[in-house]
Structures are given as C-alpha cells and as structure tokens.
C-alpha cells in the first residue's frame, strides 16, 4: 500500500540532503509509486539527444532528474522549511498545516 506524501505538485520545496542541498525550487511532478519528485532546476542531468523534430540540431540538453521525497522539505508562507501535519478544518476536510507556524499550506 502506498502511503500519503507530504509534497504535492506546485509546492515550493527546499532540498535538505544530496548534491543540491540548500537549493529551492517548485515541484513539477510527483512520482508516487517511486516516492520521488521532479523539482524545477534541481538535480540536473545531461541527456544526449539525436536530431529530431523538437531539436533539429540534437546535442546535449539539461534535464531535471527525480529527487527522493525524504530529501525535500516544504517551504511555508513565512519562507522557512517546515514539517507537514494534517488537520480537519471547519468544513471537516483534511488540510495540510505547517508544523512551525500552524498555518494551512495552500
């Protein structure tokens, strides 16, 4: 069974471990089954491409590689990295909250 993840597409996250440590970026895609996320401008790799319709010249392009979810922390509205909790709001809907400030994470 897959567990719930603390990161969603569109979140701003900070990398807390690895080569890209202390860098921030926006989550472009979450790979739930692998527990990884692709973050804009983080963990770049070089990909060699043959000439095709998209790139007639071909060559080497920089592309984001997935980062494990455990190496990412969500940035809350105050701009600081925080752990994520869940809480029922006034409409009985489960929302994500910042453990540091207690505010709802949008």
N, C-alpha and C. Protein backbone atom coordinates (compact mmCIF):
# COMPACT_ATOMS: atom_id res chain seq x y z
N UNK A 1 0.84 -1.20 0.00
CA UNK A 1 0.00 0.00 0.00
C UNK A 1 0.87 1.24 0.00
N UNK A 2 0.49 2.23 -0.79
CA UNK A 2 1.24 3.47 -0.87
C UNK A 2 0.81 4.42 0.23
N UNK A 3 1.79 5.04 0.89
CA UNK A 3 1.46 5.99 1.96
C UNK A 3 1.26 7.38 1.38
N UNK A 4 0.57 8.23 2.13
CA UNK A 4 0.36 9.62 1.70
C UNK A 4 1.68 10.37 1.74
N UNK A 5 1.89 11.24 0.79
CA UNK A 5 3.12 12.02 0.73
C UNK A 5 2.87 13.43 1.24
N UNK A 6 3.90 14.06 1.78
CA UNK A 6 3.77 15.41 2.32
C UNK A 6 4.01 16.48 1.26
N UNK A 7 4.27 16.07 0.03
CA UNK A 7 4.59 17.01 -1.04
C UNK A 7 3.59 16.84 -2.18
N UNK A 8 3.16 17.97 -2.75
CA UNK A 8 2.25 17.96 -3.90
C UNK A 8 2.86 18.76 -5.04
N UNK A 9 2.33 18.56 -6.23
CA UNK A 9 2.74 19.33 -7.40
C UNK A 9 2.44 20.80 -7.14
N UNK A 10 3.39 21.68 -7.43
CA UNK A 10 3.19 23.12 -7.23
C UNK A 10 3.78 23.65 -5.94
N UNK A 11 4.13 22.77 -5.00
CA UNK A 11 4.74 23.21 -3.74
C UNK A 11 6.13 23.76 -4.00
N UNK A 12 6.54 24.72 -3.16
CA UNK A 12 7.92 25.19 -3.17
C UNK A 12 8.64 24.38 -2.10
N UNK A 13 9.75 23.76 -2.48
CA UNK A 13 10.46 22.88 -1.56
C UNK A 13 11.93 23.26 -1.46
N UNK A 14 12.56 22.84 -0.35
CA UNK A 14 13.99 23.02 -0.15
C UNK A 14 14.63 21.64 -0.07
N UNK A 15 15.78 21.48 -0.72
CA UNK A 15 16.50 20.20 -0.68
C UNK A 15 17.34 20.19 0.59
N UNK A 16 17.19 19.14 1.41
CA UNK A 16 17.90 19.08 2.70
C UNK A 16 19.06 18.09 2.69
N UNK A 17 19.23 17.33 1.59
CA UNK A 17 20.35 16.38 1.51
C UNK A 17 20.72 16.15 0.05
N UNK A 18 21.97 15.76 -0.17
CA UNK A 18 22.41 15.43 -1.53
C UNK A 18 23.23 16.54 -2.15
N UNK A 19 23.51 16.38 -3.44
CA UNK A 19 24.35 17.34 -4.16
C UNK A 19 23.71 18.72 -4.27
N UNK A 20 22.39 18.78 -4.32
CA UNK A 20 21.68 20.05 -4.49
C UNK A 20 21.23 20.63 -3.15
N UNK A 21 21.89 20.28 -2.06
CA UNK A 21 21.49 20.70 -0.72
C UNK A 21 21.36 22.22 -0.62
N UNK A 22 20.34 22.68 0.10
CA UNK A 22 20.02 24.10 0.36
C UNK A 22 19.46 24.84 -0.85
N UNK A 23 19.19 24.16 -1.95
CA UNK A 23 18.57 24.81 -3.10
C UNK A 23 17.05 24.70 -2.99
N UNK A 24 16.36 25.70 -3.57
CA UNK A 24 14.90 25.70 -3.55
C UNK A 24 14.36 25.63 -4.96
N UNK A 25 13.16 25.08 -5.08
CA UNK A 25 12.52 25.01 -6.38
C UNK A 25 11.07 24.60 -6.25
N UNK A 26 10.37 24.64 -7.38
CA UNK A 26 8.96 24.29 -7.43
C UNK A 26 8.81 22.86 -7.93
N UNK A 27 7.92 22.10 -7.29
CA UNK A 27 7.70 20.70 -7.69
C UNK A 27 6.92 20.67 -9.00
N UNK A 28 7.50 20.02 -10.02
CA UNK A 28 6.87 19.92 -11.33
C UNK A 28 6.01 18.66 -11.44
N UNK A 29 6.47 17.58 -10.78
CA UNK A 29 5.78 16.30 -10.88
C UNK A 29 6.14 15.45 -9.68
N UNK A 30 5.16 14.68 -9.18
CA UNK A 30 5.41 13.75 -8.08
C UNK A 30 5.21 12.33 -8.60
N UNK A 31 6.23 11.50 -8.42
CA UNK A 31 6.17 10.10 -8.82
C UNK A 31 5.82 9.29 -7.58
N UNK A 32 4.53 9.07 -7.35
CA UNK A 32 4.03 8.48 -6.11
C UNK A 32 4.56 7.07 -5.89
N UNK A 33 4.53 6.24 -6.94
CA UNK A 33 4.93 4.85 -6.78
C UNK A 33 6.42 4.68 -6.46
N UNK A 34 7.25 5.67 -6.82
CA UNK A 34 8.68 5.62 -6.54
C UNK A 34 9.07 6.49 -5.35
N UNK A 35 8.11 7.25 -4.79
CA UNK A 35 8.36 8.21 -3.69
C UNK A 35 9.42 9.23 -4.08
N UNK A 36 9.30 9.74 -5.30
CA UNK A 36 10.25 10.75 -5.79
C UNK A 36 9.50 11.93 -6.38
N UNK A 37 10.20 13.05 -6.52
CA UNK A 37 9.60 14.25 -7.10
C UNK A 37 10.61 14.89 -8.05
N UNK A 38 10.09 15.52 -9.10
CA UNK A 38 10.93 16.27 -10.02
C UNK A 38 10.77 17.74 -9.67
N UNK A 39 11.88 18.40 -9.32
CA UNK A 39 11.87 19.78 -8.86
C UNK A 39 12.58 20.66 -9.89
N UNK A 40 11.97 21.80 -10.19
CA UNK A 40 12.47 22.73 -11.20
C UNK A 40 13.88 23.22 -10.85
N UNK A 41 14.84 22.96 -11.74
CA UNK A 41 16.21 23.45 -11.59
C UNK A 41 17.06 22.68 -10.59
N UNK A 42 16.56 21.57 -10.06
CA UNK A 42 17.29 20.79 -9.05
C UNK A 42 17.67 19.43 -9.63
N UNK A 43 18.87 18.94 -9.26
CA UNK A 43 19.35 17.62 -9.67
C UNK A 43 19.38 17.49 -11.19
N UNK A 44 20.03 18.45 -11.84
CA UNK A 44 20.10 18.46 -13.31
C UNK A 44 21.05 17.38 -13.82
N UNK A 45 20.63 16.73 -14.91
CA UNK A 45 21.48 15.74 -15.56
C UNK A 45 21.61 16.12 -17.04
N UNK A 46 22.66 15.64 -17.67
CA UNK A 46 22.87 15.89 -19.10
C UNK A 46 22.31 14.73 -19.89
N UNK A 47 21.46 15.04 -20.86
CA UNK A 47 20.87 13.99 -21.70
C UNK A 47 21.31 14.24 -23.14
N UNK A 48 21.91 13.21 -23.75
CA UNK A 48 22.35 13.31 -25.14
C UNK A 48 21.18 12.94 -26.04
N UNK A 49 20.85 13.83 -26.98
CA UNK A 49 19.70 13.58 -27.86
C UNK A 49 20.13 13.55 -29.31
N UNK A 50 19.46 12.67 -30.07
CA UNK A 50 19.66 12.64 -31.51
C UNK A 50 18.83 13.74 -32.13
N UNK A 51 19.17 14.18 -33.34
CA UNK A 51 18.32 15.17 -34.01
C UNK A 51 16.91 14.64 -34.23
N UNK A 52 15.91 15.44 -33.92
CA UNK A 52 14.51 15.08 -34.14
C UNK A 52 13.70 16.34 -34.42
N UNK A 53 12.39 16.21 -34.55
CA UNK A 53 11.55 17.36 -34.89
C UNK A 53 11.63 18.46 -33.82
N UNK A 54 11.72 18.05 -32.55
CA UNK A 54 11.75 19.02 -31.45
C UNK A 54 13.08 19.78 -31.41
N UNK A 55 14.19 19.04 -31.56
CA UNK A 55 15.51 19.68 -31.60
C UNK A 55 16.25 19.20 -32.84
N UNK A 56 16.13 19.95 -33.97
CA UNK A 56 16.71 19.51 -35.24
C UNK A 56 18.24 19.36 -35.17
N UNK A 57 18.87 20.09 -34.27
CA UNK A 57 20.32 20.03 -34.15
C UNK A 57 20.76 18.82 -33.32
N UNK A 58 19.93 18.40 -32.35
CA UNK A 58 20.35 17.34 -31.43
C UNK A 58 21.28 17.92 -30.39
N UNK A 59 22.09 17.09 -29.75
CA UNK A 59 23.09 17.58 -28.81
C UNK A 59 22.76 17.21 -27.38
N UNK A 60 23.33 17.99 -26.43
CA UNK A 60 23.19 17.71 -25.01
C UNK A 60 22.21 18.70 -24.40
N UNK A 61 21.19 18.18 -23.70
CA UNK A 61 20.25 19.06 -23.01
C UNK A 61 20.29 18.76 -21.52
N UNK A 62 20.04 19.78 -20.71
CA UNK A 62 19.97 19.63 -19.25
C UNK A 62 18.54 19.32 -18.87
N UNK A 63 18.36 18.31 -18.02
CA UNK A 63 17.03 17.87 -17.64
C UNK A 63 17.03 17.54 -16.15
N UNK A 64 15.89 17.81 -15.48
CA UNK A 64 15.78 17.51 -14.05
C UNK A 64 15.59 16.01 -13.83
N UNK A 65 16.33 15.46 -12.90
CA UNK A 65 16.17 14.06 -12.52
C UNK A 65 15.38 14.01 -11.21
N UNK A 66 14.67 12.91 -10.94
CA UNK A 66 13.88 12.82 -9.71
C UNK A 66 14.74 12.86 -8.44
N UNK A 67 14.19 13.44 -7.38
CA UNK A 67 14.82 13.52 -6.06
C UNK A 67 13.90 12.76 -5.10
N UNK A 68 14.47 12.00 -4.17
CA UNK A 68 13.63 11.26 -3.22
C UNK A 68 12.90 12.24 -2.30
N UNK A 69 11.64 11.92 -2.00
CA UNK A 69 10.78 12.78 -1.18
C UNK A 69 11.39 13.07 0.19
N UNK A 70 12.13 12.09 0.75
CA UNK A 70 12.71 12.26 2.08
C UNK A 70 13.78 13.35 2.11
N UNK A 71 14.29 13.75 0.96
CA UNK A 71 15.32 14.79 0.88
C UNK A 71 14.73 16.17 0.63
N UNK A 72 13.40 16.30 0.70
CA UNK A 72 12.74 17.58 0.43
C UNK A 72 11.91 18.02 1.62
N UNK A 73 11.89 19.34 1.86
CA UNK A 73 11.02 19.92 2.89
C UNK A 73 10.20 21.03 2.26
N UNK A 74 8.94 21.10 2.64
CA UNK A 74 8.03 22.11 2.10
C UNK A 74 8.38 23.47 2.71
N UNK A 75 8.34 24.52 1.88
CA UNK A 75 8.52 25.90 2.34
C UNK A 75 7.13 26.47 2.61
N UNK A 76 6.89 26.97 3.83
CA UNK A 76 5.56 27.51 4.14
C UNK A 76 5.48 28.99 3.76
N UNK A 77 4.38 29.63 4.11
CA UNK A 77 4.14 31.03 3.70
C UNK A 77 5.14 32.01 4.33
N UNK A 78 5.78 31.63 5.44
CA UNK A 78 6.77 32.50 6.06
C UNK A 78 8.13 32.41 5.36
N UNK A 79 8.27 31.42 4.46
CA UNK A 79 9.52 31.27 3.71
C UNK A 79 10.52 30.36 4.38
N UNK A 80 10.09 29.62 5.41
CA UNK A 80 11.00 28.71 6.10
C UNK A 80 10.59 27.25 5.85
N UNK A 81 11.58 26.34 5.80
CA UNK A 81 11.23 24.93 5.63
C UNK A 81 10.52 24.41 6.88
N UNK A 82 9.53 23.55 6.68
CA UNK A 82 8.75 23.04 7.80
C UNK A 82 8.30 21.62 7.55
N UNK A 83 8.01 20.92 8.65
CA UNK A 83 7.39 19.61 8.52
C UNK A 83 5.90 19.83 8.26
N UNK A 84 5.25 18.81 7.73
CA UNK A 84 3.85 18.94 7.35
C UNK A 84 2.99 18.05 8.23
N UNK A 85 1.89 18.62 8.74
CA UNK A 85 0.91 17.84 9.50
C UNK A 85 -0.43 17.92 8.80
N UNK A 86 -1.37 17.12 9.28
CA UNK A 86 -2.72 17.16 8.70
C UNK A 86 -3.72 17.42 9.80
N UNK A 87 -4.78 18.16 9.46
CA UNK A 87 -5.76 18.57 10.45
C UNK A 87 -7.11 18.73 9.76
N UNK A 88 -8.18 18.46 10.46
CA UNK A 88 -9.51 18.70 9.92
C UNK A 88 -9.84 20.19 10.07
N UNK A 89 -10.28 20.82 8.98
CA UNK A 89 -10.67 22.22 9.07
C UNK A 89 -12.14 22.32 9.47
N UNK A 90 -12.67 23.55 9.46
CA UNK A 90 -14.05 23.79 9.91
C UNK A 90 -15.09 23.11 9.03
N UNK A 91 -14.72 22.75 7.79
CA UNK A 91 -15.66 22.08 6.88
C UNK A 91 -15.46 20.57 6.87
N UNK A 92 -14.80 20.03 7.91
CA UNK A 92 -14.49 18.60 8.02
C UNK A 92 -13.69 18.07 6.83
N UNK A 93 -12.79 18.89 6.32
CA UNK A 93 -11.92 18.50 5.22
C UNK A 93 -10.49 18.44 5.74
N UNK A 94 -9.74 17.39 5.36
CA UNK A 94 -8.37 17.23 5.80
C UNK A 94 -7.47 18.20 5.02
N UNK A 95 -6.74 19.07 5.75
CA UNK A 95 -5.85 20.03 5.11
C UNK A 95 -4.44 19.85 5.66
N UNK A 96 -3.45 20.26 4.87
CA UNK A 96 -2.06 20.21 5.31
C UNK A 96 -1.73 21.48 6.09
N UNK A 97 -1.06 21.33 7.23
CA UNK A 97 -0.67 22.50 8.02
C UNK A 97 0.84 22.48 8.25
N UNK A 98 1.40 23.67 8.46
CA UNK A 98 2.81 23.82 8.77
C UNK A 98 3.02 23.53 10.25
N UNK A 99 3.96 22.64 10.59
CA UNK A 99 4.23 22.32 11.98
C UNK A 99 4.90 23.50 12.69
N UNK A 100 5.60 24.38 11.94
CA UNK A 100 6.30 25.50 12.54
C UNK A 100 5.35 26.64 12.89
N UNK A 101 4.54 27.06 11.90
CA UNK A 101 3.67 28.22 12.12
C UNK A 101 2.23 27.85 12.41
N UNK A 102 1.83 26.63 12.10
CA UNK A 102 0.44 26.21 12.32
C UNK A 102 -0.52 26.67 11.25
N UNK A 103 -0.01 27.34 10.21
CA UNK A 103 -0.86 27.85 9.12
C UNK A 103 -1.15 26.75 8.11
N UNK A 104 -2.25 26.92 7.38
CA UNK A 104 -2.63 25.97 6.33
C UNK A 104 -1.70 26.17 5.13
N UNK A 105 -1.20 25.07 4.56
CA UNK A 105 -0.35 25.13 3.37
C UNK A 105 -1.25 25.04 2.16
N UNK A 106 -1.17 26.04 1.28
CA UNK A 106 -2.01 26.07 0.07
C UNK A 106 -1.38 25.23 -1.01
